[in-house]
Amino acid sequence: MEQLGIQCSDLLRRSDIMDSLKNENFDLVFVEAFDFCSFLVAEKLGKPFVSILPTPFGSVDLGLPNPVSYVPVFHSLLTDHMDFWGRVRNFLMFLDFFLRQWRIQSTFDNTIKEHFPEGSRPVLSHLLKKAELWFVNSDFALEFARPLLPNTVYVGGLMARPVKPVPQVSETSALNRDFM
């Protein structure tokens, strides 16, 4: 995992790339939420950024309220109707998720120390909360009810293609296909 921080440091060290990005004079930077380095690049450029979360909620803590009493943790197989032990399990899974994310984010600590001056070193978890807007690739109808901040927009289905009709197959040809 430390490779992530090393690669990010190498990118930020490349003055040709960073100068090229600065000279483009972008008004806004789009970042992908799984690549924490993109948040650091946007911060280094001093530009506001919009983040895209390509999965449903739960895979990255983006600073939204996360009431574990009724919002199940991603991949917990729980529903929003939890008994006491379900809530305990959900909390423990949330704690495990939080510690894993902290461990991943800590791989960028040396990168932050190397590329940002002492007084203005960003905290990676705070940078995620600094996004102007979050596009979440999910549909509200497929998510459990949860509080959202005004800068969160569901964009699920943007990449979906129109459905093609299913070809008609006779029963005998379907049976023949299964046995061949």
Protein backbone atom coordinates (compact mmCIF):
# COMPACT_ATOMS: atom_id res chain seq x y z
CA MET A 1 0.00 0.00 0.00
CA GLU A 2 2.89 2.36 0.56
CA GLN A 3 3.36 2.32 -3.19
CA LEU A 4 0.33 4.63 -3.49
CA GLY A 5 2.06 7.36 -1.50
CA ILE A 6 5.34 6.87 -3.36
CA GLN A 7 3.66 7.15 -6.76
CA CYS A 8 1.81 10.26 -5.63
CA SER A 9 5.04 11.80 -4.38
CA ASP A 10 6.67 11.06 -7.73
CA LEU A 11 3.79 12.78 -9.53
CA LEU A 12 3.91 15.87 -7.31
CA ARG A 13 7.69 16.00 -7.73
CA ARG A 14 7.38 16.15 -11.54
CA SER A 15 7.60 19.89 -12.11
CA ASP A 16 6.90 19.51 -15.84
CA ILE A 17 3.49 17.96 -15.13
CA MET A 18 2.59 20.23 -12.23
CA ASP A 19 3.69 23.38 -14.12
CA SER A 20 1.69 22.27 -17.16
CA LEU A 21 -1.40 21.85 -14.99
CA LYS A 22 -0.85 25.25 -13.35
CA ASN A 23 -0.39 26.94 -16.73
CA GLU A 24 -3.70 25.56 -17.99
CA ASN A 25 -5.39 27.78 -15.40
CA PHE A 26 -8.32 25.45 -14.76
CA ASP A 27 -11.25 26.84 -12.80
CA LEU A 28 -12.24 23.47 -11.39
CA VAL A 29 -10.64 20.04 -10.98
CA PHE A 30 -12.55 16.76 -11.25
CA VAL A 31 -11.13 14.05 -8.99
CA GLU A 32 -11.96 10.39 -8.62
CA ALA A 33 -12.58 9.42 -5.01
CA PHE A 34 -10.55 6.20 -4.97
CA ASP A 35 -7.35 8.00 -5.94
CA PHE A 36 -6.43 10.06 -2.91
CA CYS A 37 -3.51 11.53 -4.82
CA SER A 38 -5.91 13.48 -7.02
CA PHE A 39 -7.12 15.35 -3.92
CA LEU A 40 -3.53 16.30 -3.14
CA VAL A 41 -2.92 17.44 -6.72
CA ALA A 42 -6.02 19.66 -6.58
CA GLU A 43 -4.85 21.07 -3.24
CA LYS A 44 -1.35 21.69 -4.59
CA LEU A 45 -2.85 23.55 -7.55
CA GLY A 46 -5.01 25.57 -5.16
CA LYS A 47 -8.14 24.85 -7.18
CA PRO A 48 -11.62 23.89 -6.03
CA PHE A 49 -12.58 20.35 -6.93
CA VAL A 50 -15.57 18.14 -7.62
CA SER A 51 -15.30 14.50 -6.68
CA ILE A 52 -16.80 11.48 -8.38
CA LEU A 53 -17.56 8.38 -6.32
CA PRO A 54 -17.87 5.55 -8.86
CA THR A 55 -19.56 3.16 -6.42
CA PRO A 56 -22.44 3.31 -3.97
CA PHE A 57 -21.87 4.87 -0.57
CA GLY A 58 -19.80 3.02 1.96
CA SER A 59 -16.65 2.45 -0.02
CA VAL A 60 -15.14 5.83 0.94
CA ASP A 61 -15.91 8.05 3.91
CA LEU A 62 -16.66 11.35 2.25
CA GLY A 63 -17.70 13.27 5.30
CA LEU A 64 -21.42 12.60 5.17
CA PRO A 65 -23.26 11.90 8.38
CA ASN A 66 -23.12 8.15 8.85
CA PRO A 67 -25.63 7.08 11.50
CA VAL A 68 -24.64 3.45 12.03
CA SER A 69 -27.79 2.90 14.07
CA TYR A 70 -29.88 2.65 10.90
CA VAL A 71 -27.56 2.90 7.86
CA PRO A 72 -25.89 -0.46 7.22
CA VAL A 73 -22.20 -0.51 6.42
CA PHE A 74 -21.33 -1.44 2.83
CA HIS A 75 -21.13 -5.26 2.41
CA SER A 76 -22.50 -5.91 5.90
CA LEU A 77 -25.52 -7.83 4.57
CA LEU A 78 -27.63 -5.95 7.12
CA THR A 79 -30.79 -4.00 6.42
CA ASP A 80 -31.99 -0.73 7.90
CA HIS A 81 -34.14 -2.73 10.36
CA MET A 82 -31.48 -3.86 12.83
CA ASP A 83 -31.92 -5.21 16.32
CA PHE A 84 -29.41 -4.43 19.07
CA TRP A 85 -26.90 -7.08 17.97
CA GLY A 86 -27.26 -6.00 14.35
CA ARG A 87 -26.36 -2.46 15.39
CA VAL A 88 -23.39 -3.73 17.38
CA ARG A 89 -22.22 -5.72 14.34
CA ASN A 90 -22.77 -2.69 12.10
CA PHE A 91 -20.76 -0.47 14.45
CA LEU A 92 -17.88 -2.96 14.58
CA MET A 93 -17.86 -3.21 10.79
CA PHE A 94 -17.90 0.60 10.57
CA LEU A 95 -14.96 0.76 12.98
CA ASP A 96 -13.07 -1.80 10.89
CA PHE A 97 -13.83 0.18 7.71
CA PHE A 98 -12.72 3.43 9.36
CA LEU A 99 -9.43 1.89 10.51
CA ARG A 100 -8.74 0.46 7.04
CA GLN A 101 -9.38 3.81 5.40
CA TRP A 102 -7.17 5.55 7.96
CA ARG A 103 -4.41 3.03 7.20
CA ILE A 104 -4.68 3.69 3.47
CA GLN A 105 -4.72 7.46 3.97
CA SER A 106 -1.70 7.30 6.27
CA THR A 107 0.39 6.00 3.36
CA PHE A 108 0.22 9.57 2.02
CA ASP A 109 1.62 11.18 5.20
CA ASN A 110 5.21 11.30 3.93
CA THR A 111 4.00 12.69 0.60
CA ILE A 112 2.15 15.48 2.39
CA LYS A 113 5.19 16.27 4.56
CA GLU A 114 7.44 16.39 1.49
CA HIS A 115 5.27 18.54 -0.78
CA PHE A 116 3.38 20.91 1.51
CA PRO A 117 4.94 23.53 3.82
CA GLU A 118 4.73 23.06 7.59
CA GLY A 119 1.96 25.58 8.26
CA SER A 120 -0.36 24.52 5.46
CA ARG A 121 -0.18 20.73 5.40
CA PRO A 122 -3.57 19.29 4.53
CA VAL A 123 -5.12 16.36 6.32
CA LEU A 124 -6.32 13.90 3.70
CA SER A 125 -9.59 13.11 5.48
CA HIS A 126 -10.32 16.86 5.63
CA LEU A 127 -9.63 17.22 1.91
CA LEU A 128 -12.40 14.75 1.12
CA LYS A 129 -14.80 16.97 3.03
CA LYS A 130 -13.56 20.02 1.13
CA ALA A 131 -15.07 18.88 -2.20
CA GLU A 132 -17.42 21.45 -3.71
CA LEU A 133 -19.67 18.71 -5.05
CA TRP A 134 -19.87 14.91 -4.83
CA PHE A 135 -21.27 12.89 -7.73
CA VAL A 136 -22.23 9.44 -6.45
CA ASN A 137 -22.74 6.74 -9.08
CA SER A 138 -25.76 5.19 -7.46
CA ASP A 139 -29.50 5.67 -7.46
CA PHE A 140 -31.32 6.89 -4.37
CA ALA A 141 -33.90 4.14 -4.89
CA LEU A 142 -31.17 1.51 -4.45
CA GLU A 143 -29.64 3.05 -1.32
CA PHE A 144 -30.83 2.92 2.25
CA ALA A 145 -32.32 6.16 3.56
CA ARG A 146 -29.54 8.35 4.88
CA PRO A 147 -28.92 12.01 5.55
CA LEU A 148 -27.22 13.79 2.66
CA LEU A 149 -25.42 17.10 2.51
CA PRO A 150 -26.48 19.63 -0.14
CA ASN A 151 -23.28 19.03 -2.14
CA THR A 152 -24.12 15.35 -2.80
CA VAL A 153 -25.80 14.40 -6.07
CA TYR A 154 -26.85 10.92 -7.16
CA VAL A 155 -25.90 10.29 -10.78
CA GLY A 156 -26.61 6.56 -11.01
CA GLY A 157 -27.48 5.25 -14.42
CA LEU A 158 -25.54 7.83 -16.41
CA MET A 159 -23.47 5.10 -18.00
CA ALA A 160 -26.42 2.77 -18.63
CA ARG A 161 -27.18 1.91 -22.22
CA PRO A 162 -30.69 1.50 -23.64
CA VAL A 163 -32.06 -1.99 -23.19
CA LYS A 164 -32.16 -4.17 -26.29
CA PRO A 165 -35.10 -6.53 -26.78
CA VAL A 166 -34.53 -10.17 -25.89
CA PRO A 167 -34.44 -12.33 -29.03
CA GLN A 168 -37.29 -14.78 -29.42
CA VAL A 169 -36.16 -18.38 -28.94
CA SER A 170 -38.36 -21.39 -29.43
CA GLU A 171 -38.49 -24.01 -26.69
CA THR A 172 -37.01 -26.76 -28.88
CA SER A 173 -34.01 -24.70 -29.96
CA ALA A 174 -33.38 -23.68 -26.34
CA LEU A 175 -33.43 -27.32 -25.25
CA ASN A 176 -31.11 -28.33 -28.08
CA ARG A 177 -28.64 -25.61 -27.11
CA ASP A 178 -28.48 -26.81 -23.51
CA PHE A 179 -27.58 -30.37 -24.46
CA MET A 180 -24.97 -29.60 -27.11
